[in-house]
Amino acid sequence: MSRDNVSNQPTEDSVDTFRESIFESFSEVCDPRILSSSIRHELPHILFMTLCAVLCGANKLKEVAVYAKEREDWLKSVLSLNYGVPSYSTFWLTFVMLDPSEFQGVLMKKI
């Protein structure tokens, strides 16, 4: 097969499979915001965006929020983000409430 016939665009099936793998990977992490009635961003999405940002060099939650905003179009293409990307305060609140040992345990299972 020549390179000209290879598309760099993901298929709908591959995006669906990718999205499902994200939820599966983080399904064991309890969402600490469960008592809030105004959750707009799903925990697996927040965790995925954060990991992408960290892998790209982000060291602080403000950098994670900037990363998400700058890559919003791409993130919307792989995640169902009905409300766009989370704000810095959403990232901050989520990680303040998140059980770090639980999150670490899930990450260690995937390595």
PDB file of N, CA and C in Angstrom:
ATOM      1  N   MET A   1       0.848  -1.182   0.000  1.00  0.00           N
ATOM      2  CA  MET A   1       0.000   0.000   0.000  1.00  0.00           C
ATOM      3  C   MET A   1       0.892   1.242   0.000  1.00  0.00           C
ATOM      4  N   SER A   2       0.594   2.190  -0.841  1.00  0.00           N
ATOM      5  CA  SER A   2       1.398   3.405  -0.889  1.00  0.00           C
ATOM      6  C   SER A   2       0.988   4.365   0.219  1.00  0.00           C
ATOM      7  N   ARG A   3       1.900   5.247   0.534  1.00  0.00           N
ATOM      8  CA  ARG A   3       1.624   6.228   1.591  1.00  0.00           C
ATOM      9  C   ARG A   3       0.480   7.162   1.221  1.00  0.00           C
ATOM     10  N   ASP A   4       0.282   7.381  -0.068  1.00  0.00           N
ATOM     11  CA  ASP A   4      -0.772   8.294  -0.516  1.00  0.00           C
ATOM     12  C   ASP A   4      -2.160   7.789  -0.133  1.00  0.00           C
ATOM     13  N   ASN A   5      -2.304   6.487   0.044  1.00  0.00           N
ATOM     14  CA  ASN A   5      -3.605   5.905   0.367  1.00  0.00           C
ATOM     15  C   ASN A   5      -3.855   5.810   1.868  1.00  0.00           C
ATOM     16  N   VAL A   6      -2.880   6.169   2.670  1.00  0.00           N
ATOM     17  CA  VAL A   6      -3.014   6.065   4.121  1.00  0.00           C
ATOM     18  C   VAL A   6      -3.541   7.385   4.665  1.00  0.00           C
ATOM     19  N   SER A   7      -4.654   7.316   5.364  1.00  0.00           N
ATOM     20  CA  SER A   7      -5.253   8.514   5.947  1.00  0.00           C
ATOM     21  C   SER A   7      -4.765   8.697   7.382  1.00  0.00           C
ATOM     22  N   ASN A   8      -4.449   9.922   7.735  1.00  0.00           N
ATOM     23  CA  ASN A   8      -4.043  10.233   9.107  1.00  0.00           C
ATOM     24  C   ASN A   8      -5.248  10.494   9.999  1.00  0.00           C
ATOM     25  N   GLN A   9      -6.422  10.545   9.410  1.00  0.00           N
ATOM     26  CA  GLN A   9      -7.633  10.810  10.175  1.00  0.00           C
ATOM     27  C   GLN A   9      -8.147   9.515  10.794  1.00  0.00           C
ATOM     28  N   PRO A  10      -8.462   9.543  12.081  1.00  0.00           N
ATOM     29  CA  PRO A  10      -8.985   8.331  12.716  1.00  0.00           C
ATOM     30  C   PRO A  10     -10.391   8.022  12.205  1.00  0.00           C
ATOM     31  N   THR A  11     -10.711   6.745  12.149  1.00  0.00           N
ATOM     32  CA  THR A  11     -12.062   6.348  11.764  1.00  0.00           C
ATOM     33  C   THR A  11     -12.980   6.516  12.970  1.00  0.00           C
ATOM     34  N   GLU A  12     -14.262   6.537  12.708  1.00  0.00           N
ATOM     35  CA  GLU A  12     -15.227   6.667  13.802  1.00  0.00           C
ATOM     36  C   GLU A  12     -15.121   5.484  14.759  1.00  0.00           C
ATOM     37  N   ASP A  13     -14.894   4.287  14.200  1.00  0.00           N
ATOM     38  CA  ASP A  13     -14.739   3.100  15.043  1.00  0.00           C
ATOM     39  C   ASP A  13     -13.511   3.198  15.934  1.00  0.00           C
ATOM     40  N   SER A  14     -12.407   3.700  15.381  1.00  0.00           N
ATOM     41  CA  SER A  14     -11.195   3.805  16.201  1.00  0.00           C
ATOM     42  C   SER A  14     -11.356   4.856  17.296  1.00  0.00           C
ATOM     43  N   VAL A  15     -12.077   5.930  17.010  1.00  0.00           N
ATOM     44  CA  VAL A  15     -12.336   6.954  18.023  1.00  0.00           C
ATOM     45  C   VAL A  15     -13.224   6.378  19.124  1.00  0.00           C
ATOM     46  N   ASP A  16     -14.246   5.620  18.737  1.00  0.00           N
ATOM     47  CA  ASP A  16     -15.128   4.996  19.727  1.00  0.00           C
ATOM     48  C   ASP A  16     -14.360   4.019  20.606  1.00  0.00           C
ATOM     49  N   THR A  17     -13.492   3.218  20.005  1.00  0.00           N
ATOM     50  CA  THR A  17     -12.681   2.260  20.756  1.00  0.00           C
ATOM     51  C   THR A  17     -11.741   2.989  21.709  1.00  0.00           C
ATOM     52  N   PHE A  18     -11.143   4.061  21.229  1.00  0.00           N
ATOM     53  CA  PHE A  18     -10.242   4.863  22.059  1.00  0.00           C
ATOM     54  C   PHE A  18     -10.997   5.461  23.240  1.00  0.00           C
ATOM     55  N   ARG A  19     -12.167   6.020  22.983  1.00  0.00           N
ATOM     56  CA  ARG A  19     -12.980   6.629  24.028  1.00  0.00           C
ATOM     57  C   ARG A  19     -13.372   5.585  25.086  1.00  0.00           C
ATOM     58  N   GLU A  20     -13.770   4.399  24.624  1.00  0.00           N
ATOM     59  CA  GLU A  20     -14.124   3.328  25.552  1.00  0.00           C
ATOM     60  C   GLU A  20     -12.935   2.905  26.404  1.00  0.00           C
ATOM     61  N   SER A  21     -11.739   2.880  25.817  1.00  0.00           N
ATOM     62  CA  SER A  21     -10.552   2.481  26.574  1.00  0.00           C
ATOM     63  C   SER A  21     -10.214   3.494  27.659  1.00  0.00           C
ATOM     64  N   ILE A  22     -10.510   4.757  27.409  1.00  0.00           N
ATOM     65  CA  ILE A  22     -10.277   5.790  28.420  1.00  0.00           C
ATOM     66  C   ILE A  22     -11.190   5.544  29.616  1.00  0.00           C
ATOM     67  N   PHE A  23     -12.467   5.318  29.346  1.00  0.00           N
ATOM     68  CA  PHE A  23     -13.412   5.073  30.435  1.00  0.00           C
ATOM     69  C   PHE A  23     -13.064   3.798  31.187  1.00  0.00           C
ATOM     70  N   GLU A  24     -12.659   2.778  30.457  1.00  0.00           N
ATOM     71  CA  GLU A  24     -12.283   1.522  31.106  1.00  0.00           C
ATOM     72  C   GLU A  24     -11.063   1.722  32.005  1.00  0.00           C
ATOM     73  N   SER A  25     -10.087   2.451  31.518  1.00  0.00           N
ATOM     74  CA  SER A  25      -8.857   2.663  32.279  1.00  0.00           C
ATOM     75  C   SER A  25      -9.098   3.404  33.594  1.00  0.00           C
ATOM     76  N   PHE A  26     -10.012   4.336  33.589  1.00  0.00           N
ATOM     77  CA  PHE A  26     -10.233   5.157  34.779  1.00  0.00           C
ATOM     78  C   PHE A  26     -11.526   4.830  35.519  1.00  0.00           C
ATOM     79  N   SER A  27     -12.169   3.750  35.153  1.00  0.00           N
ATOM     80  CA  SER A  27     -13.447   3.403  35.783  1.00  0.00           C
ATOM     81  C   SER A  27     -13.303   3.039  37.260  1.00  0.00           C
ATOM     82  N   GLU A  28     -12.115   2.641  37.675  1.00  0.00           N
ATOM     83  CA  GLU A  28     -11.896   2.259  39.063  1.00  0.00           C
ATOM     84  C   GLU A  28     -11.659   3.460  39.983  1.00  0.00           C
ATOM     85  N   VAL A  29     -11.478   4.627  39.413  1.00  0.00           N
ATOM     86  CA  VAL A  29     -11.260   5.831  40.216  1.00  0.00           C
ATOM     87  C   VAL A  29     -12.623   6.432  40.549  1.00  0.00           C
ATOM     88  N   CYS A  30     -12.907   6.568  41.817  1.00  0.00           N
ATOM     89  CA  CYS A  30     -14.178   7.158  42.254  1.00  0.00           C
ATOM     90  C   CYS A  30     -14.148   8.660  42.026  1.00  0.00           C
ATOM     91  N   ASP A  31     -15.222   9.172  41.473  1.00  0.00           N
ATOM     92  CA  ASP A  31     -15.325  10.610  41.238  1.00  0.00           C
ATOM     93  C   ASP A  31     -15.676  11.279  42.554  1.00  0.00           C
ATOM     94  N   PRO A  32     -14.764  12.082  43.112  1.00  0.00           N
ATOM     95  CA  PRO A  32     -15.023  12.722  44.400  1.00  0.00           C
ATOM     96  C   PRO A  32     -16.079  13.816  44.322  1.00  0.00           C
ATOM     97  N   ARG A  33     -16.453  14.208  43.131  1.00  0.00           N
ATOM     98  CA  ARG A  33     -17.426  15.291  42.945  1.00  0.00           C
ATOM     99  C   ARG A  33     -18.841  14.753  42.860  1.00  0.00           C
ATOM    100  N   ILE A  34     -19.034  13.500  43.170  1.00  0.00           N
ATOM    101  CA  ILE A  34     -20.315  12.817  42.976  1.00  0.00           C
ATOM    102  C   ILE A  34     -21.487  13.524  43.684  1.00  0.00           C
ATOM    103  N   LEU A  35     -21.217  14.194  44.770  1.00  0.00           N
ATOM    104  CA  LEU A  35     -22.285  14.873  45.501  1.00  0.00           C
ATOM    105  C   LEU A  35     -22.664  16.226  44.897  1.00  0.00           C
ATOM    106  N   SER A  36     -21.844  16.691  43.976  1.00  0.00           N
ATOM    107  CA  SER A  36     -22.136  17.962  43.324  1.00  0.00           C
ATOM    108  C   SER A  36     -23.211  17.762  42.269  1.00  0.00           C
ATOM    109  N   SER A  37     -24.131  18.691  42.195  1.00  0.00           N
ATOM    110  CA  SER A  37     -25.210  18.578  41.210  1.00  0.00           C
ATOM    111  C   SER A  37     -24.847  19.234  39.874  1.00  0.00           C
ATOM    112  N   SER A  38     -23.690  19.849  39.810  1.00  0.00           N
ATOM    113  CA  SER A  38     -23.344  20.588  38.595  1.00  0.00           C
ATOM    114  C   SER A  38     -22.098  20.040  37.898  1.00  0.00           C
ATOM    115  N   ILE A  39     -21.961  18.715  37.840  1.00  0.00           N
ATOM    116  CA  ILE A  39     -20.810  18.116  37.164  1.00  0.00           C
ATOM    117  C   ILE A  39     -21.040  18.193  35.659  1.00  0.00           C
ATOM    118  N   ARG A  40     -20.155  18.867  34.959  1.00  0.00           N
ATOM    119  CA  ARG A  40     -20.259  18.994  33.511  1.00  0.00           C
ATOM    120  C   ARG A  40     -19.220  18.144  32.795  1.00  0.00           C
ATOM    121  N   HIS A  41     -18.115  17.875  33.450  1.00  0.00           N
ATOM    122  CA  HIS A  41     -17.006  17.167  32.822  1.00  0.00           C
ATOM    123  C   HIS A  41     -16.791  15.838  33.519  1.00  0.00           C
ATOM    124  N   GLU A  42     -16.793  14.773  32.732  1.00  0.00           N
ATOM    125  CA  GLU A  42     -16.636  13.450  33.298  1.00  0.00           C
ATOM    126  C   GLU A  42     -15.201  13.245  33.788  1.00  0.00           C
ATOM    127  N   LEU A  43     -15.069  12.539  34.900  1.00  0.00           N
ATOM    128  CA  LEU A  43     -13.759  12.321  35.503  1.00  0.00           C
ATOM    129  C   LEU A  43     -12.772  11.679  34.538  1.00  0.00           C
ATOM    130  N   PRO A  44     -13.136  10.642  33.787  1.00  0.00           N
ATOM    131  CA  PRO A  44     -12.164  10.072  32.851  1.00  0.00           C
ATOM    132  C   PRO A  44     -11.633  11.083  31.836  1.00  0.00           C
ATOM    133  N   HIS A  45     -12.472  12.018  31.423  1.00  0.00           N
ATOM    134  CA  HIS A  45     -12.016  13.051  30.490  1.00  0.00           C
ATOM    135  C   HIS A  45     -10.994  13.961  31.157  1.00  0.00           C
ATOM    136  N   ILE A  46     -11.277  14.367  32.372  1.00  0.00           N
ATOM    137  CA  ILE A  46     -10.352  15.240  33.105  1.00  0.00           C
ATOM    138  C   ILE A  46      -9.022  14.529  33.317  1.00  0.00           C
ATOM    139  N   LEU A  47      -9.067  13.272  33.705  1.00  0.00           N
ATOM    140  CA  LEU A  47      -7.842  12.515  33.937  1.00  0.00           C
ATOM    141  C   LEU A  47      -7.068  12.313  32.634  1.00  0.00           C
ATOM    142  N   PHE A  48      -7.771  12.020  31.558  1.00  0.00           N
ATOM    143  CA  PHE A  48      -7.111  11.844  30.268  1.00  0.00           C
ATOM    144  C   PHE A  48      -6.427  13.138  29.821  1.00  0.00           C
ATOM    145  N   MET A  49      -7.137  14.263  29.897  1.00  0.00           N
ATOM    146  CA  MET A  49      -6.549  15.544  29.496  1.00  0.00           C
ATOM    147  C   MET A  49      -5.329  15.869  30.340  1.00  0.00           C
ATOM    148  N   THR A  50      -5.415  15.582  31.622  1.00  0.00           N
ATOM    149  CA  THR A  50      -4.302  15.859  32.524  1.00  0.00           C
ATOM    150  C   THR A  50      -3.088  15.004  32.167  1.00  0.00           C
ATOM    151  N   LEU A  51      -3.304  13.727  31.930  1.00  0.00           N
ATOM    152  CA  LEU A  51      -2.184  12.863  31.563  1.00  0.00           C
ATOM    153  C   LEU A  51      -1.551  13.289  30.245  1.00  0.00           C
ATOM    154  N   CYS A  52      -2.368  13.660  29.266  1.00  0.00           N
ATOM    155  CA  CYS A  52      -1.820  14.153  27.997  1.00  0.00           C
ATOM    156  C   CYS A  52      -0.961  15.393  28.230  1.00  0.00           C
ATOM    157  N   ALA A  53      -1.469  16.304  29.030  1.00  0.00           N
ATOM    158  CA  ALA A  53      -0.739  17.545  29.306  1.00  0.00           C
ATOM    159  C   ALA A  53       0.582  17.263  30.021  1.00  0.00           C
ATOM    160  N   VAL A  54       0.547  16.382  30.999  1.00  0.00           N
ATOM    161  CA  VAL A  54       1.763  16.047  31.745  1.00  0.00           C
ATOM    162  C   VAL A  54       2.782  15.393  30.817  1.00  0.00           C
ATOM    163  N   LEU A  55       2.319  14.496  29.969  1.00  0.00           N
ATOM    164  CA  LEU A  55       3.225  13.853  29.011  1.00  0.00           C
ATOM    165  C   LEU A  55       3.838  14.861  28.040  1.00  0.00           C
ATOM    166  N   CYS A  56       3.148  15.969  27.836  1.00  0.00           N
ATOM    167  CA  CYS A  56       3.654  17.026  26.957  1.00  0.00           C
ATOM    168  C   CYS A  56       4.418  18.107  27.721  1.00  0.00           C
ATOM    169  N   GLY A  57       4.657  17.887  29.013  1.00  0.00           N
ATOM    170  CA  GLY A  57       5.509  18.799  29.768  1.00  0.00           C
ATOM    171  C   GLY A  57       4.834  19.671  30.806  1.00  0.00           C
ATOM    172  N   ALA A  58       3.537  19.586  30.980  1.00  0.00           N
ATOM    173  CA  ALA A  58       2.852  20.411  31.990  1.00  0.00           C
ATOM    174  C   ALA A  58       3.239  19.933  33.390  1.00  0.00           C
ATOM    175  N   ASN A  59       3.538  20.874  34.258  1.00  0.00           N
ATOM    176  CA  ASN A  59       3.918  20.567  35.635  1.00  0.00           C
ATOM    177  C   ASN A  59       2.942  21.104  36.668  1.00  0.00           C
ATOM    178  N   LYS A  60       2.025  21.949  36.244  1.00  0.00           N
ATOM    179  CA  LYS A  60       1.075  22.583  37.148  1.00  0.00           C
ATOM    180  C   LYS A  60      -0.315  22.508  36.527  1.00  0.00           C
ATOM    181  N   LEU A  61      -1.337  22.576  37.370  1.00  0.00           N
ATOM    182  CA  LEU A  61      -2.699  22.495  36.857  1.00  0.00           C
ATOM    183  C   LEU A  61      -3.043  23.656  35.929  1.00  0.00           C
ATOM    184  N   LYS A  62      -2.454  24.821  36.150  1.00  0.00           N
ATOM    185  CA  LYS A  62      -2.702  25.933  35.222  1.00  0.00           C
ATOM    186  C   LYS A  62      -2.179  25.585  33.834  1.00  0.00           C
ATOM    187  N   GLU A  63      -1.031  24.895  33.797  1.00  0.00           N
ATOM    188  CA  GLU A  63      -0.479  24.467  32.512  1.00  0.00           C
ATOM    189  C   GLU A  63      -1.368  23.399  31.872  1.00  0.00           C
ATOM    190  N   VAL A  64      -1.967  22.552  32.683  1.00  0.00           N
ATOM    191  CA  VAL A  64      -2.896  21.541  32.178  1.00  0.00           C
ATOM    192  C   VAL A  64      -4.100  22.234  31.540  1.00  0.00           C
ATOM    193  N   ALA A  65      -4.637  23.225  32.212  1.00  0.00           N
ATOM    194  CA  ALA A  65      -5.797  23.957  31.680  1.00  0.00           C
ATOM    195  C   ALA A  65      -5.444  24.672  30.376  1.00  0.00           C
ATOM    196  N   VAL A  66      -4.258  25.249  30.302  1.00  0.00           N
ATOM    197  CA  VAL A  66      -3.816  25.908  29.067  1.00  0.00           C
ATOM    198  C   VAL A  66      -3.657  24.879  27.955  1.00  0.00           C
ATOM    199  N   TYR A  67      -3.046  23.749  28.272  1.00  0.00           N
ATOM    200  CA  TYR A  67      -2.894  22.668  27.296  1.00  0.00           C
ATOM    201  C   TYR A  67      -4.263  22.266  26.738  1.00  0.00           C
ATOM    202  N   ALA A  68      -5.222  22.039  27.623  1.00  0.00           N
ATOM    203  CA  ALA A  68      -6.554  21.609  27.196  1.00  0.00           C
ATOM    204  C   ALA A  68      -7.205  22.660  26.298  1.00  0.00           C
ATOM    205  N   LYS A  69      -7.078  23.910  26.662  1.00  0.00           N
ATOM    206  CA  LYS A  69      -7.691  24.981  25.868  1.00  0.00           C
ATOM    207  C   LYS A  69      -7.035  25.084  24.489  1.00  0.00           C
ATOM    208  N   GLU A  70      -5.710  24.965  24.446  1.00  0.00           N
ATOM    209  CA  GLU A  70      -4.997  25.077  23.176  1.00  0.00           C
ATOM    210  C   GLU A  70      -5.279  23.886  22.258  1.00  0.00           C
ATOM    211  N   ARG A  71      -5.644  22.756  22.829  1.00  0.00           N
ATOM    212  CA  ARG A  71      -5.895  21.553  22.036  1.00  0.00           C
ATOM    213  C   ARG A  71      -7.373  21.135  22.078  1.00  0.00           C
ATOM    214  N   GLU A  72      -8.218  22.110  22.326  1.00  0.00           N
ATOM    215  CA  GLU A  72      -9.646  21.836  22.476  1.00  0.00           C
ATOM    216  C   GLU A  72     -10.238  21.148  21.244  1.00  0.00           C
ATOM    217  N   ASP A  73      -9.880  21.577  20.063  1.00  0.00           N
ATOM    218  CA  ASP A  73     -10.435  20.961  18.856  1.00  0.00           C
ATOM    219  C   ASP A  73     -10.079  19.482  18.791  1.00  0.00           C
ATOM    220  N   TRP A  74      -8.813  19.149  19.052  1.00  0.00           N
ATOM    221  CA  TRP A  74      -8.398  17.751  19.027  1.00  0.00           C
ATOM    222  C   TRP A  74      -9.104  16.969  20.126  1.00  0.00           C
ATOM    223  N   LEU A  75      -9.158  17.524  21.327  1.00  0.00           N
ATOM    224  CA  LEU A  75      -9.801  16.827  22.438  1.00  0.00           C
ATOM    225  C   LEU A  75     -11.277  16.568  22.139  1.00  0.00           C
ATOM    226  N   LYS A  76     -11.942  17.521  21.509  1.00  0.00           N
ATOM    227  CA  LYS A  76     -13.347  17.323  21.132  1.00  0.00           C
ATOM    228  C   LYS A  76     -13.496  16.226  20.083  1.00  0.00           C
ATOM    229  N   SER A  77     -12.455  15.996  19.301  1.00  0.00           N
ATOM    230  CA  SER A  77     -12.539  14.956  18.270  1.00  0.00           C
ATOM    231  C   SER A  77     -12.392  13.551  18.858  1.00  0.00           C
ATOM    232  N   VAL A  78     -11.821  13.444  20.053  1.00  0.00           N
ATOM    233  CA  VAL A  78     -11.652  12.116  20.658  1.00  0.00           C
ATOM    234  C   VAL A  78     -12.495  11.907  21.909  1.00  0.00           C
ATOM    235  N   LEU A  79     -13.006  12.972  22.475  1.00  0.00           N
ATOM    236  CA  LEU A  79     -13.848  12.880  23.666  1.00  0.00           C
ATOM    237  C   LEU A  79     -15.166  13.596  23.388  1.00  0.00           C
ATOM    238  N   SER A  80     -16.213  13.177  24.058  1.00  0.00           N
ATOM    239  CA  SER A  80     -17.479  13.897  23.907  1.00  0.00           C
ATOM    240  C   SER A  80     -17.511  15.006  24.956  1.00  0.00           C
ATOM    241  N   LEU A  81     -17.124  16.183  24.531  1.00  0.00           N
ATOM    242  CA  LEU A  81     -17.028  17.337  25.435  1.00  0.00           C
ATOM    243  C   LEU A  81     -18.156  18.315  25.120  1.00  0.00           C
ATOM    244  N   ASN A  82     -19.324  18.051  25.664  1.00  0.00           N
ATOM    245  CA  ASN A  82     -20.491  18.894  25.396  1.00  0.00           C
ATOM    246  C   ASN A  82     -20.320  20.319  25.908  1.00  0.00           C
ATOM    247  N   TYR A  83     -19.476  20.505  26.910  1.00  0.00           N
ATOM    248  CA  TYR A  83     -19.276  21.830  27.500  1.00  0.00           C
ATOM    249  C   TYR A  83     -17.877  22.364  27.235  1.00  0.00           C
ATOM    250  N   GLY A  84     -17.204  21.836  26.239  1.00  0.00           N
ATOM    251  CA  GLY A  84     -15.837  22.256  25.958  1.00  0.00           C
ATOM    252  C   GLY A  84     -14.886  21.652  26.978  1.00  0.00           C
ATOM    253  N   VAL A  85     -13.702  22.223  27.063  1.00  0.00           N
ATOM    254  CA  VAL A  85     -12.726  21.699  28.016  1.00  0.00           C
ATOM    255  C   VAL A  85     -12.963  22.349  29.384  1.00  0.00           C
ATOM    256  N   PRO A  86     -12.565  21.645  30.442  1.00  0.00           N
ATOM    257  CA  PRO A  86     -12.753  22.212  31.785  1.00  0.00           C
ATOM    258  C   PRO A  86     -11.889  23.447  32.009  1.00  0.00           C
ATOM    259  N   SER A  87     -12.343  24.267  32.923  1.00  0.00           N
ATOM    260  CA  SER A  87     -11.562  25.442  33.315  1.00  0.00           C
ATOM    261  C   SER A  87     -10.503  25.020  34.332  1.00  0.00           C
ATOM    262  N   TYR A  88      -9.590  25.916  34.596  1.00  0.00           N
ATOM    263  CA  TYR A  88      -8.571  25.663  35.611  1.00  0.00           C
ATOM    264  C   TYR A  88      -9.214  25.286  36.941  1.00  0.00           C
ATOM    265  N   SER A  89     -10.274  25.998  37.330  1.00  0.00           N
ATOM    266  CA  SER A  89     -10.903  25.733  38.630  1.00  0.00           C
ATOM    267  C   SER A  89     -11.513  24.331  38.685  1.00  0.00           C
ATOM    268  N   THR A  90     -12.001  23.816  37.554  1.00  0.00           N
ATOM    269  CA  THR A  90     -12.533  22.453  37.520  1.00  0.00           C
ATOM    270  C   THR A  90     -11.404  21.442  37.707  1.00  0.00           C
ATOM    271  N   PHE A  91     -10.290  21.650  37.012  1.00  0.00           N
ATOM    272  CA  PHE A  91      -9.139  20.762  37.213  1.00  0.00           C
ATOM    273  C   PHE A  91      -8.699  20.813  38.678  1.00  0.00           C
ATOM    274  N   TRP A  92      -8.586  22.020  39.206  1.00  0.00           N
ATOM    275  CA  TRP A  92      -8.097  22.188  40.574  1.00  0.00           C
ATOM    276  C   TRP A  92      -9.024  21.495  41.575  1.00  0.00           C
ATOM    277  N   LEU A  93     -10.305  21.765  41.496  1.00  0.00           N
ATOM    278  CA  LEU A  93     -11.262  21.184  42.431  1.00  0.00           C
ATOM    279  C   LEU A  93     -11.250  19.655  42.355  1.00  0.00           C
ATOM    280  N   THR A  94     -11.181  19.136  41.147  1.00  0.00           N
ATOM    281  CA  THR A  94     -11.166  17.682  40.972  1.00  0.00           C
ATOM    282  C   THR A  94      -9.946  17.071  41.648  1.00  0.00           C
ATOM    283  N   PHE A  95      -8.787  17.645  41.436  1.00  0.00           N
ATOM    284  CA  PHE A  95      -7.571  17.060  42.007  1.00  0.00           C
ATOM    285  C   PHE A  95      -7.431  17.326  43.501  1.00  0.00           C
ATOM    286  N   VAL A  96      -8.036  18.375  43.996  1.00  0.00           N
ATOM    287  CA  VAL A  96      -8.038  18.607  45.446  1.00  0.00           C
ATOM    288  C   VAL A  96      -8.858  17.518  46.136  1.00  0.00           C
ATOM    289  N   MET A  97      -9.943  17.116  45.503  1.00  0.00           N
ATOM    290  CA  MET A  97     -10.845  16.133  46.101  1.00  0.00           C
ATOM    291  C   MET A  97     -10.453  14.680  45.797  1.00  0.00           C
ATOM    292  N   LEU A  98      -9.671  14.458  44.754  1.00  0.00           N
ATOM    293  CA  LEU A  98      -9.322  13.113  44.303  1.00  0.00           C
ATOM    294  C   LEU A  98      -8.417  12.408  45.314  1.00  0.00           C
ATOM    295  N   ASP A  99      -8.667  11.138  45.534  1.00  0.00           N
ATOM    296  CA  ASP A  99      -7.824  10.320  46.414  1.00  0.00           C
ATOM    297  C   ASP A  99      -6.560   9.954  45.639  1.00  0.00           C
ATOM    298  N   PRO A 100      -5.410  10.535  46.011  1.00  0.00           N
ATOM    299  CA  PRO A 100      -4.199  10.304  45.232  1.00  0.00           C
ATOM    300  C   PRO A 100      -3.741   8.843  45.238  1.00  0.00           C
ATOM    301  N   SER A 101      -3.937   8.139  46.330  1.00  0.00           N
ATOM    302  CA  SER A 101      -3.494   6.742  46.364  1.00  0.00           C
ATOM    303  C   SER A 101      -4.367   5.876  45.448  1.00  0.00           C
ATOM    304  N   GLU A 102      -5.645   6.192  45.357  1.00  0.00           N
ATOM    305  CA  GLU A 102      -6.531   5.457  44.457  1.00  0.00           C
ATOM    306  C   GLU A 102      -6.130   5.700  42.999  1.00  0.00           C
ATOM    307  N   PHE A 103      -5.874   6.949  42.662  1.00  0.00           N
ATOM    308  CA  PHE A 103      -5.466   7.307  41.308  1.00  0.00           C
ATOM    309  C   PHE A 103      -4.127   6.655  40.971  1.00  0.00           C
ATOM    310  N   GLN A 104      -3.189   6.696  41.894  1.00  0.00           N
ATOM    311  CA  GLN A 104      -1.880   6.084  41.682  1.00  0.00           C
ATOM    312  C   GLN A 104      -2.021   4.568  41.470  1.00  0.00           C
ATOM    313  N   GLY A 105      -2.888   3.953  42.244  1.00  0.00           N
ATOM    314  CA  GLY A 105      -3.115   2.523  42.105  1.00  0.00           C
ATOM    315  C   GLY A 105      -3.610   2.140  40.725  1.00  0.00           C
ATOM    316  N   VAL A 106      -4.522   2.929  40.187  1.00  0.00           N
ATOM    317  CA  VAL A 106      -5.042   2.674  38.837  1.00  0.00           C
ATOM    318  C   VAL A 106      -3.941   2.871  37.814  1.00  0.00           C
ATOM    319  N   LEU A 107      -3.162   3.920  37.959  1.00  0.00           N
ATOM    320  CA  LEU A 107      -2.064   4.167  37.009  1.00  0.00           C
ATOM    321  C   LEU A 107      -1.040   3.046  37.057  1.00  0.00           C
ATOM    322  N   MET A 108      -0.710   2.570  38.226  1.00  0.00           N
ATOM    323  CA  MET A 108       0.289   1.516  38.372  1.00  0.00           C
ATOM    324  C   MET A 108      -0.197   0.213  37.738  1.00  0.00           C
ATOM    325  N   LYS A 109      -1.480  -0.048  37.743  1.00  0.00           N
ATOM    326  CA  LYS A 109      -2.033  -1.259  37.104  1.00  0.00           C
ATOM    327  C   LYS A 109      -1.853  -1.204  35.594  1.00  0.00           C
ATOM    328  N   LYS A 110      -1.828  -0.007  35.043  1.00  0.00           N
ATOM    329  CA  LYS A 110      -1.768   0.159  33.587  1.00  0.00           C
ATOM    330  C   LYS A 110      -0.333   0.146  33.068  1.00  0.00           C
ATOM    331  N   ILE A 111       0.624   0.266  33.938  1.00  0.00           N
ATOM    332  CA  ILE A 111       2.033   0.314  33.500  1.00  0.00           C
ATOM    333  C   ILE A 111       2.571  -1.060  33.291  1.00  0.00           C
TER     334      ILE A 111
END
